């Protein structure tokens, strides 16, 4: 006897109509009919008297319903309580930019509170589908796109230049933005209007020529650079995948100010759980944020 069979039986007993019950359960009527028949075979008795499409509980069916309905309700309540307890001990983290410093922060917090769990989501490729209220903490860069989020600057993150190993720039210990003016640049562009911060930042340092390309993810950018189709700028916190590519060399950029501001924002105080407030206080201290910000 399976829980699904009991669930099907209870609803069918209440509606007393196989078609309506199947529709409510979002299953095919033959599937429901087979489930009820198998349950009756397992119990060794019929639970319904059948009259065309109408099903009428007989006495044995009524007694069975009286027994299983309270038990099913208790089981569903227990499942809800278990899910709620898991949710209470899970902290949701949203990353609009990768952050090695945040990973270190999570590690230290976990050492002090091993009973709490993290659900970490990298969100940059799904900007229009994100409900920021789902997250206890958000990590995001300063870009026009993120003006609607209220947070505090946590730190500055430098950009690195990612080049193919055969590119002459790969032999340099560091480069200036003027060194890349004649290179094929690969910038991020997430729709017809939104560019990555590096596009605007680079334009503020160097006159942008026409030798540039666009893509909409760091993985595509990495592959393009790996196949020597151009060069690109990579935030230091997102450089892990590039470091693992033997065809790519990451070179420091000397231009002061060619970096991005990384912000941290929290869910509103009234919406934070007790553990969420504990985590927010820890992050505030770890990154030396303004506790009242």
Protein backbone atom coordinates (compact mmCIF):
# COMPACT_ATOMS: atom_id res chain seq x y z
CA UNK A 1 0.00 0.00 0.00
CA UNK A 2 1.45 3.33 -1.10
CA UNK A 3 0.76 6.87 0.12
CA UNK A 4 -0.24 7.88 -3.38
CA UNK A 5 -2.96 5.22 -3.40
CA UNK A 6 -4.34 6.51 -0.09
CA UNK A 7 -4.34 10.09 -1.37
CA UNK A 8 -6.16 9.05 -4.54
CA UNK A 9 -8.69 7.03 -2.55
CA UNK A 10 -9.51 9.87 -0.14
CA UNK A 11 -10.19 12.40 -2.88
CA UNK A 12 -12.19 9.90 -4.95
CA UNK A 13 -14.25 9.01 -1.88
CA UNK A 14 -15.08 12.67 -1.28
CA UNK A 15 -15.95 13.49 -4.89
CA UNK A 16 -17.57 10.10 -5.66
CA UNK A 17 -16.72 10.62 -9.32
CA UNK A 18 -13.68 9.15 -11.08
CA UNK A 19 -13.49 11.84 -13.78
CA UNK A 20 -13.66 14.75 -11.33
CA UNK A 21 -11.11 13.12 -9.03
CA UNK A 22 -8.68 12.48 -11.89
CA UNK A 23 -9.03 16.08 -13.03
CA UNK A 24 -8.39 17.41 -9.50
CA UNK A 25 -5.33 15.17 -9.15
CA UNK A 26 -4.07 16.13 -12.63
CA UNK A 27 -3.73 12.49 -13.68
CA UNK A 28 -5.36 10.35 -16.35
CA UNK A 29 -8.61 8.64 -15.37
CA UNK A 30 -7.30 5.13 -16.25
CA UNK A 31 -4.34 5.73 -13.90
CA UNK A 32 -6.69 6.63 -11.06
CA UNK A 33 -9.01 3.71 -11.79
CA UNK A 34 -6.07 1.29 -11.78
CA UNK A 35 -4.78 2.71 -8.48
CA UNK A 36 -8.17 2.26 -6.78
CA UNK A 37 -8.53 -1.26 -8.19
CA UNK A 38 -5.03 -2.24 -6.96
CA UNK A 39 -5.82 -0.84 -3.51
CA UNK A 40 -9.02 -2.90 -3.33
CA UNK A 41 -7.13 -6.01 -4.44
CA UNK A 42 -4.48 -5.43 -1.77
CA UNK A 43 -7.15 -5.00 0.91
CA UNK A 44 -9.10 -7.97 -0.38
CA UNK A 45 -12.39 -6.09 -0.54
CA UNK A 46 -14.26 -3.52 -2.60
CA UNK A 47 -14.44 -0.02 -1.17
CA UNK A 48 -16.96 1.43 -3.62
CA UNK A 49 -20.26 0.39 -5.11
CA UNK A 50 -20.13 1.42 -8.75
CA UNK A 51 -23.01 2.91 -10.68
CA UNK A 52 -21.84 4.09 -14.09
CA UNK A 53 -19.29 6.89 -13.55
CA UNK A 54 -20.51 7.43 -10.03
CA UNK A 55 -18.73 5.76 -7.11
CA UNK A 56 -20.52 5.30 -3.81
CA UNK A 57 -18.57 4.36 -0.68
CA UNK A 58 -19.85 1.13 0.81
CA UNK A 59 -19.63 0.37 4.51
CA UNK A 60 -16.15 -1.12 4.23
CA UNK A 61 -15.01 1.96 2.30
CA UNK A 62 -16.48 4.30 4.92
CA UNK A 63 -14.66 2.50 7.73
CA UNK A 64 -11.41 2.55 5.75
CA UNK A 65 -11.82 6.29 5.06
CA UNK A 66 -12.42 6.98 8.75
CA UNK A 67 -9.16 5.18 9.56
CA UNK A 68 -6.82 6.56 6.90
CA UNK A 69 -7.97 10.19 6.63
CA UNK A 70 -6.74 11.29 10.10
CA UNK A 71 -3.49 9.37 9.57
CA UNK A 72 -2.90 11.08 6.21
CA UNK A 73 -3.61 14.48 7.74
CA UNK A 74 -1.09 13.81 10.53
CA UNK A 75 1.50 12.71 7.97
CA UNK A 76 0.99 15.85 5.86
CA UNK A 77 1.26 18.05 8.95
CA UNK A 78 4.51 16.31 9.89
CA UNK A 79 5.88 16.90 6.38
CA UNK A 80 5.00 20.62 6.54
CA UNK A 81 6.68 20.93 9.94
CA UNK A 82 9.80 19.20 8.64
CA UNK A 83 9.99 21.53 5.62
CA UNK A 84 9.51 24.56 7.85
CA UNK A 85 12.29 23.41 10.16
CA UNK A 86 14.65 22.92 7.23
CA UNK A 87 13.74 26.39 5.92
CA UNK A 88 14.39 27.93 9.35
CA UNK A 89 17.91 26.50 9.31
CA UNK A 90 18.70 27.40 5.69
CA UNK A 91 20.28 30.75 4.75
CA UNK A 92 19.76 31.85 1.15
CA UNK A 93 22.62 33.71 -0.54
CA UNK A 94 22.34 35.38 -3.96
CA UNK A 95 25.47 36.22 -5.95
CA UNK A 96 25.32 38.67 -8.83
CA UNK A 97 29.10 38.51 -8.87
CA UNK A 98 31.38 35.78 -7.56
CA UNK A 99 33.25 36.46 -4.33
CA UNK A 100 36.09 34.45 -2.83
CA UNK A 101 35.90 36.68 0.23
CA UNK A 102 32.30 35.72 0.75
CA UNK A 103 33.18 32.02 0.53
CA UNK A 104 35.71 32.60 3.30
CA UNK A 105 33.04 34.37 5.33
CA UNK A 106 30.61 31.46 4.86
CA UNK A 107 33.29 29.02 5.97
CA UNK A 108 33.96 30.86 9.21
CA UNK A 109 30.27 31.24 9.94
CA UNK A 110 29.69 27.52 9.30
CA UNK A 111 32.46 26.60 11.72
CA UNK A 112 30.66 28.55 14.44
CA UNK A 113 27.16 27.39 13.45
CA UNK A 114 27.42 23.91 11.88
CA UNK A 115 23.68 23.36 12.37
CA UNK A 116 22.84 25.98 9.72
CA UNK A 117 22.82 25.31 5.98
CA UNK A 118 23.54 27.54 2.97
CA UNK A 119 21.69 27.71 -0.33
CA UNK A 120 24.03 29.72 -2.60
CA UNK A 121 22.80 30.85 -6.03
CA UNK A 122 24.81 32.50 -8.81
CA UNK A 123 22.23 34.73 -10.49
CA UNK A 124 23.86 36.81 -13.19
CA UNK A 125 22.33 34.95 -16.14
CA UNK A 126 18.76 35.26 -14.76
CA UNK A 127 18.50 38.92 -13.86
CA UNK A 128 14.88 39.43 -14.90
CA UNK A 129 13.59 36.35 -13.06
CA UNK A 130 14.99 37.03 -9.61
CA UNK A 131 12.87 37.86 -6.59
CA UNK A 132 15.44 39.45 -4.31
CA UNK A 133 13.15 38.94 -1.30
CA UNK A 134 14.01 35.25 -1.48
CA UNK A 135 17.56 35.89 -0.27
CA UNK A 136 18.92 36.70 3.17
CA UNK A 137 21.97 38.31 1.57
CA UNK A 138 22.85 39.61 -1.89
CA UNK A 139 26.32 40.25 -3.32
CA UNK A 140 26.32 42.54 -6.34
CA UNK A 141 28.55 45.01 -8.24
CA UNK A 142 27.90 48.69 -8.73
CA UNK A 143 26.25 48.88 -12.11
CA UNK A 144 23.23 50.88 -13.35
CA UNK A 145 21.23 47.66 -13.37
CA UNK A 146 21.47 47.29 -9.58
CA UNK A 147 20.44 50.78 -8.51
CA UNK A 148 17.14 49.46 -7.18
CA UNK A 149 18.94 47.40 -4.51
CA UNK A 150 19.91 49.01 -1.23
CA UNK A 151 23.19 47.82 0.23
CA UNK A 152 26.61 48.87 1.43
CA UNK A 153 29.95 48.81 -0.30
CA UNK A 154 31.94 45.88 1.07
CA UNK A 155 35.19 45.99 -0.91
CA UNK A 156 36.83 46.82 -4.22
CA UNK A 157 37.66 44.03 -6.67
CA UNK A 158 40.22 44.45 -9.42
CA UNK A 159 39.83 43.24 -12.99
CA UNK A 160 42.33 40.96 -14.68
CA UNK A 161 43.02 40.75 -18.39
CA UNK A 162 42.35 37.27 -19.82
CA UNK A 163 44.37 36.54 -22.98
CA UNK A 164 45.28 33.51 -25.04
CA UNK A 165 48.69 32.10 -24.17
CA UNK A 166 49.96 32.83 -27.72
CA UNK A 167 49.03 36.50 -27.45
CA UNK A 168 52.14 38.70 -26.89
CA UNK A 169 50.39 40.29 -23.88
CA UNK A 170 50.55 36.92 -22.10
CA UNK A 171 54.31 37.38 -21.65
CA UNK A 172 53.88 40.63 -19.73
CA UNK A 173 53.90 40.78 -15.93
CA UNK A 174 51.29 43.54 -16.08
CA UNK A 175 49.50 45.59 -18.73
CA UNK A 176 48.03 49.03 -19.18
CA UNK A 177 44.67 49.60 -20.83
CA UNK A 178 46.49 51.47 -23.58
CA UNK A 179 48.22 48.17 -24.43
CA UNK A 180 44.94 46.54 -25.45
CA UNK A 181 43.46 49.25 -27.69
CA UNK A 182 44.21 47.35 -30.88
CA UNK A 183 43.08 43.98 -29.57
CA UNK A 184 39.74 42.29 -30.21
CA UNK A 185 37.90 42.90 -26.92
CA UNK A 186 35.09 40.70 -25.65
CA UNK A 187 32.55 42.45 -23.41
CA UNK A 188 29.43 41.18 -21.67
CA UNK A 189 26.02 42.24 -22.97
CA UNK A 190 22.93 40.77 -21.32
CA UNK A 191 20.22 42.13 -23.63
CA UNK A 192 19.87 44.85 -26.25
CA UNK A 193 20.61 47.63 -23.73
CA UNK A 194 22.50 46.25 -20.74
CA UNK A 195 26.26 46.06 -20.87
CA UNK A 196 28.63 44.74 -18.23
CA UNK A 197 30.38 47.29 -16.04
CA UNK A 198 33.71 46.74 -17.84
CA UNK A 199 32.27 48.17 -21.07
CA UNK A 200 31.48 51.52 -19.46
CA UNK A 201 34.58 51.49 -17.25
CA UNK A 202 36.92 50.83 -20.16
CA UNK A 203 35.29 53.65 -22.15
CA UNK A 204 36.04 56.04 -19.28
CA UNK A 205 39.77 55.22 -19.58
CA UNK A 206 40.31 54.63 -23.28
CA UNK A 207 38.47 55.66 -26.43
CA UNK A 208 36.59 52.58 -27.53
CA UNK A 209 37.32 51.51 -31.09
CA UNK A 210 35.26 49.13 -33.22
CA UNK A 211 37.30 46.01 -32.52
CA UNK A 212 35.04 44.49 -29.87
CA UNK A 213 32.63 41.58 -29.49
CA UNK A 214 29.84 40.71 -27.07
CA UNK A 215 28.63 37.62 -25.26
CA UNK A 216 26.27 37.06 -22.32
CA UNK A 217 28.16 34.77 -19.93
CA UNK A 218 31.64 34.32 -18.53
CA UNK A 219 31.70 30.74 -19.80
CA UNK A 220 31.18 31.89 -23.39
CA UNK A 221 33.80 34.59 -22.92
CA UNK A 222 36.24 32.02 -21.55
CA UNK A 223 35.71 29.75 -24.55
CA UNK A 224 36.15 32.60 -27.03
CA UNK A 225 39.42 33.61 -25.38
CA UNK A 226 40.53 29.98 -25.15
CA UNK A 227 40.10 29.67 -28.93
CA UNK A 228 42.03 32.93 -29.42
CA UNK A 229 39.06 34.94 -30.69
CA UNK A 230 39.83 37.93 -28.50
CA UNK A 231 40.68 39.08 -24.98
CA UNK A 232 38.48 40.10 -22.07
CA UNK A 233 38.30 41.58 -18.60
CA UNK A 234 37.51 39.25 -15.69
CA UNK A 235 36.70 40.18 -12.08
CA UNK A 236 39.25 38.61 -9.79
CA UNK A 237 36.54 36.78 -7.85
CA UNK A 238 35.31 35.08 -11.04
CA UNK A 239 38.74 34.08 -12.33
CA UNK A 240 38.72 30.46 -11.13
CA UNK A 241 37.42 28.94 -14.39
CA UNK A 242 39.96 30.94 -16.42
CA UNK A 243 42.83 29.80 -14.22
CA UNK A 244 41.88 26.20 -14.97
CA UNK A 245 42.13 26.75 -18.73
CA UNK A 246 45.64 25.98 -20.03
CA UNK A 247 45.08 28.20 -23.06
CA UNK A 248 44.43 31.34 -20.99
CA UNK A 249 46.78 33.62 -19.08
CA UNK A 250 45.51 36.23 -16.60
CA UNK A 251 47.52 39.43 -16.47
CA UNK A 252 47.17 42.19 -13.82
CA UNK A 253 46.07 45.63 -15.04
CA UNK A 254 48.02 48.60 -13.73
CA UNK A 255 45.44 51.36 -14.25
CA UNK A 256 44.34 52.62 -10.87
CA UNK A 257 40.57 52.70 -10.57
CA UNK A 258 39.93 49.96 -13.12
CA UNK A 259 38.04 47.84 -10.62
CA UNK A 260 34.50 47.26 -9.46
CA UNK A 261 32.78 48.06 -6.19
CA UNK A 262 31.18 45.03 -4.58
CA UNK A 263 28.09 45.67 -2.47
CA UNK A 264 26.34 43.58 0.16
CA UNK A 265 22.64 43.92 0.83
CA UNK A 266 20.39 42.14 3.31
CA UNK A 267 16.72 41.30 3.37
CA UNK A 268 14.73 43.84 5.35
CA UNK A 269 15.04 43.36 9.10
CA UNK A 270 11.36 42.54 9.57
CA UNK A 271 11.61 39.75 6.98
CA UNK A 272 14.79 38.16 8.33
CA UNK A 273 14.49 35.01 10.42
CA UNK A 274 16.32 34.77 13.74
CA UNK A 275 19.14 32.87 12.03
CA UNK A 276 19.06 35.39 9.18
CA UNK A 277 19.66 38.21 11.64
CA UNK A 278 22.48 36.22 13.21
CA UNK A 279 24.08 35.75 9.81
CA UNK A 280 23.59 39.41 8.85
CA UNK A 281 25.33 40.52 12.05
CA UNK A 282 28.24 38.17 11.34
CA UNK A 283 28.63 39.40 7.73
CA UNK A 284 28.40 43.03 8.86
CA UNK A 285 31.27 42.50 11.29
CA UNK A 286 33.29 40.33 8.89
CA UNK A 287 33.23 42.95 6.12
CA UNK A 288 33.34 45.88 8.57
CA UNK A 289 30.08 47.30 7.25
CA UNK A 290 28.12 50.05 8.94
CA UNK A 291 25.80 48.11 11.26
CA UNK A 292 23.13 50.77 10.87
CA UNK A 293 23.41 51.02 7.09
